[in-house]
Amino acid sequence: MILLKADTNNAIFLDIHGQENVAKGTSSYFYFDFINDMTQQSFFKEIAINELTPRRYKFILNEPTTLNFAEQYGFYTYTIYQSTSTGLTNTTGFTDINIVHKGKMNFSKTGVSEVTYTEYTPTDNTNTVNNNTQYISI
């Protein structure tokens, strides 16, 4: 799990050697896609390698400069893609072959201890299917 703090430089160390999909010696770029577990909003960004060791990659993510989560504290699901293209703005064109790592991330701020949860409530009186949950009107 990755832990990111608001308003600071966050160092992310990942052991993804052997999971790369681009041949050694070829320029490659890493894209992070963070999806908020509550709102399903995607935060997508190309993040450069800050340091490369024989064991792991180091990325620096400054929130809000590198990527602004707009104070949406809580849990995210993330996917890291590798590509030979730079300047991409979304996941269009990526396939499972491009994925080098997946996991969970917690975004928090000092002094903010709990995540605010919102509950989905259907607004009409019809049966509603939402992410494998069916709300039945009685």
Protein backbone atom coordinates (compact mmCIF):
# COMPACT_ATOMS: atom_id res chain seq x y z
CA MET A 1 0.00 0.00 0.00
CA ILE A 2 1.13 3.51 -0.82
CA LEU A 3 0.57 6.28 1.73
CA LEU A 4 0.47 9.81 0.33
CA LYS A 5 0.27 12.95 2.44
CA ALA A 6 -1.27 16.22 1.29
CA ASP A 7 0.84 19.32 0.69
CA THR A 8 4.22 17.57 0.64
CA ASN A 9 6.77 15.67 -1.45
CA ASN A 10 5.98 11.96 -1.27
CA ALA A 11 8.64 9.41 -2.17
CA ILE A 12 7.21 6.23 -3.67
CA PHE A 13 9.52 3.22 -3.80
CA LEU A 14 8.37 0.31 -5.97
CA ASP A 15 10.02 -3.00 -6.71
CA ILE A 16 8.77 -3.47 -10.27
CA HIS A 17 11.92 -4.86 -11.86
CA GLY A 18 10.99 -7.82 -14.01
CA GLN A 19 7.49 -6.45 -14.57
CA GLU A 20 8.53 -3.90 -17.15
CA ASN A 21 7.09 -4.35 -20.61
CA VAL A 22 9.52 -2.13 -22.54
CA ALA A 23 12.87 -3.53 -23.67
CA LYS A 24 15.97 -2.36 -21.78
CA GLY A 25 17.63 0.56 -23.52
CA THR A 26 14.30 1.83 -24.89
CA SER A 27 12.90 5.09 -23.52
CA SER A 28 9.85 4.40 -21.40
CA TYR A 29 7.43 6.46 -19.34
CA PHE A 30 5.35 5.57 -16.30
CA TYR A 31 1.75 6.66 -15.86
CA PHE A 32 -0.13 6.50 -12.56
CA ASP A 33 -3.91 6.21 -12.53
CA PHE A 34 -5.42 6.72 -9.07
CA ILE A 35 -9.16 6.01 -8.81
CA ASN A 36 -11.01 7.25 -5.73
CA ASP A 37 -12.82 4.29 -4.13
CA MET A 38 -15.81 6.43 -3.13
CA THR A 39 -16.32 8.78 -6.09
CA GLN A 40 -14.66 6.69 -8.83
CA GLN A 41 -12.93 9.88 -10.02
CA SER A 42 -9.69 9.18 -11.86
CA PHE A 43 -6.45 11.12 -11.30
CA PHE A 44 -4.06 10.28 -14.15
CA LYS A 45 -0.49 11.56 -14.46
CA GLU A 46 2.84 10.73 -16.03
CA ILE A 47 5.41 10.64 -13.24
CA ALA A 48 9.12 10.51 -14.02
CA ILE A 49 11.54 8.15 -12.32
CA ASN A 50 13.46 10.10 -9.69
CA GLU A 51 16.01 7.38 -8.97
CA LEU A 52 16.63 3.87 -10.24
CA THR A 53 18.49 1.25 -8.23
CA PRO A 54 19.11 -2.41 -9.00
CA ARG A 55 16.23 -3.20 -6.63
CA ARG A 56 13.59 -0.55 -7.05
CA TYR A 57 12.24 2.54 -8.72
CA LYS A 58 11.79 5.80 -6.83
CA PHE A 59 9.11 8.29 -7.87
CA ILE A 60 8.44 11.67 -6.27
CA LEU A 61 4.84 12.84 -6.16
CA ASN A 62 4.25 16.32 -4.80
CA GLU A 63 0.65 16.88 -3.87
CA PRO A 64 -0.78 19.26 -5.13
CA THR A 65 1.97 20.26 -7.63
CA THR A 66 2.53 16.94 -9.44
CA LEU A 67 -1.00 15.70 -8.95
CA ASN A 68 -3.84 17.50 -7.20
CA PHE A 69 -6.28 15.22 -5.38
CA ALA A 70 -8.48 18.24 -4.55
CA GLU A 71 -8.66 17.30 -0.86
CA GLN A 72 -10.43 14.04 -1.64
CA TYR A 73 -8.88 12.20 1.29
CA GLY A 74 -9.38 8.47 1.54
CA PHE A 75 -8.59 5.27 -0.28
CA TYR A 76 -7.74 4.84 -3.93
CA THR A 77 -7.04 1.94 -6.24
CA TYR A 78 -4.03 2.62 -8.43
CA THR A 79 -2.64 1.17 -11.63
CA ILE A 80 0.80 1.96 -13.01
CA TYR A 81 1.28 1.71 -16.76
CA GLN A 82 4.50 1.72 -18.78
CA SER A 83 4.64 3.06 -22.31
CA THR A 84 7.08 4.22 -24.97
CA SER A 85 4.88 7.31 -25.54
CA THR A 86 5.13 10.49 -23.54
CA GLY A 87 2.48 13.15 -22.92
CA LEU A 88 -0.53 10.85 -22.64
CA THR A 89 -3.53 12.28 -20.79
CA ASN A 90 -5.67 9.21 -20.08
CA THR A 91 -5.68 5.41 -20.15
CA THR A 92 -7.06 5.17 -23.69
CA GLY A 93 -4.89 2.79 -25.67
CA PHE A 94 -3.44 0.99 -22.67
CA THR A 95 -4.03 -2.76 -22.35
CA ASP A 96 -3.19 -5.29 -19.65
CA ILE A 97 0.23 -5.65 -21.28
CA ASN A 98 1.06 -2.06 -20.24
CA ILE A 99 0.28 -2.67 -16.54
CA VAL A 100 3.38 -3.02 -14.36
CA HIS A 101 1.80 -2.66 -10.91
CA LYS A 102 -1.58 -2.38 -9.17
CA GLY A 103 -2.49 -1.70 -5.57
CA LYS A 104 -4.15 0.49 -2.96
CA MET A 105 -3.25 3.99 -1.87
CA ASN A 106 -4.33 6.05 1.11
CA PHE A 107 -4.33 9.82 0.72
CA SER A 108 -4.42 11.73 4.00
CA LYS A 109 -3.58 15.02 5.64
CA THR A 110 -2.06 15.62 9.04
CA GLY A 111 -4.89 16.40 11.43
CA VAL A 112 -7.54 14.69 9.30
CA SER A 113 -8.06 11.28 10.88
CA GLU A 114 -11.17 9.87 9.25
CA VAL A 115 -12.52 9.52 5.76
CA THR A 116 -15.96 11.00 5.09
CA TYR A 117 -18.17 8.35 3.53
CA THR A 118 -21.22 9.00 1.42
CA GLU A 119 -23.96 6.45 0.89
CA TYR A 120 -25.71 5.97 -2.43
CA THR A 121 -29.48 6.18 -2.15
CA PRO A 122 -31.66 5.69 -5.25
CA THR A 123 -33.73 8.77 -5.95
CA ASP A 124 -36.57 7.14 -7.87
CA ASN A 125 -38.91 4.30 -7.01
CA THR A 126 -37.64 1.80 -9.60
CA ASN A 127 -35.30 -1.13 -9.32
CA THR A 128 -31.74 0.12 -9.70
CA VAL A 129 -28.60 -1.88 -10.41
CA ASN A 130 -25.38 -0.26 -9.23
CA ASN A 131 -22.04 -2.14 -9.30
CA ASN A 132 -23.53 -5.59 -8.72
CA THR A 133 -25.93 -4.33 -6.04
CA GLN A 134 -29.61 -4.30 -6.85
CA TYR A 135 -31.92 -1.97 -4.98
CA ILE A 136 -35.46 -3.33 -5.09
CA SER A 137 -38.50 -1.13 -4.64
CA ILE A 138 -41.19 -2.62 -2.42
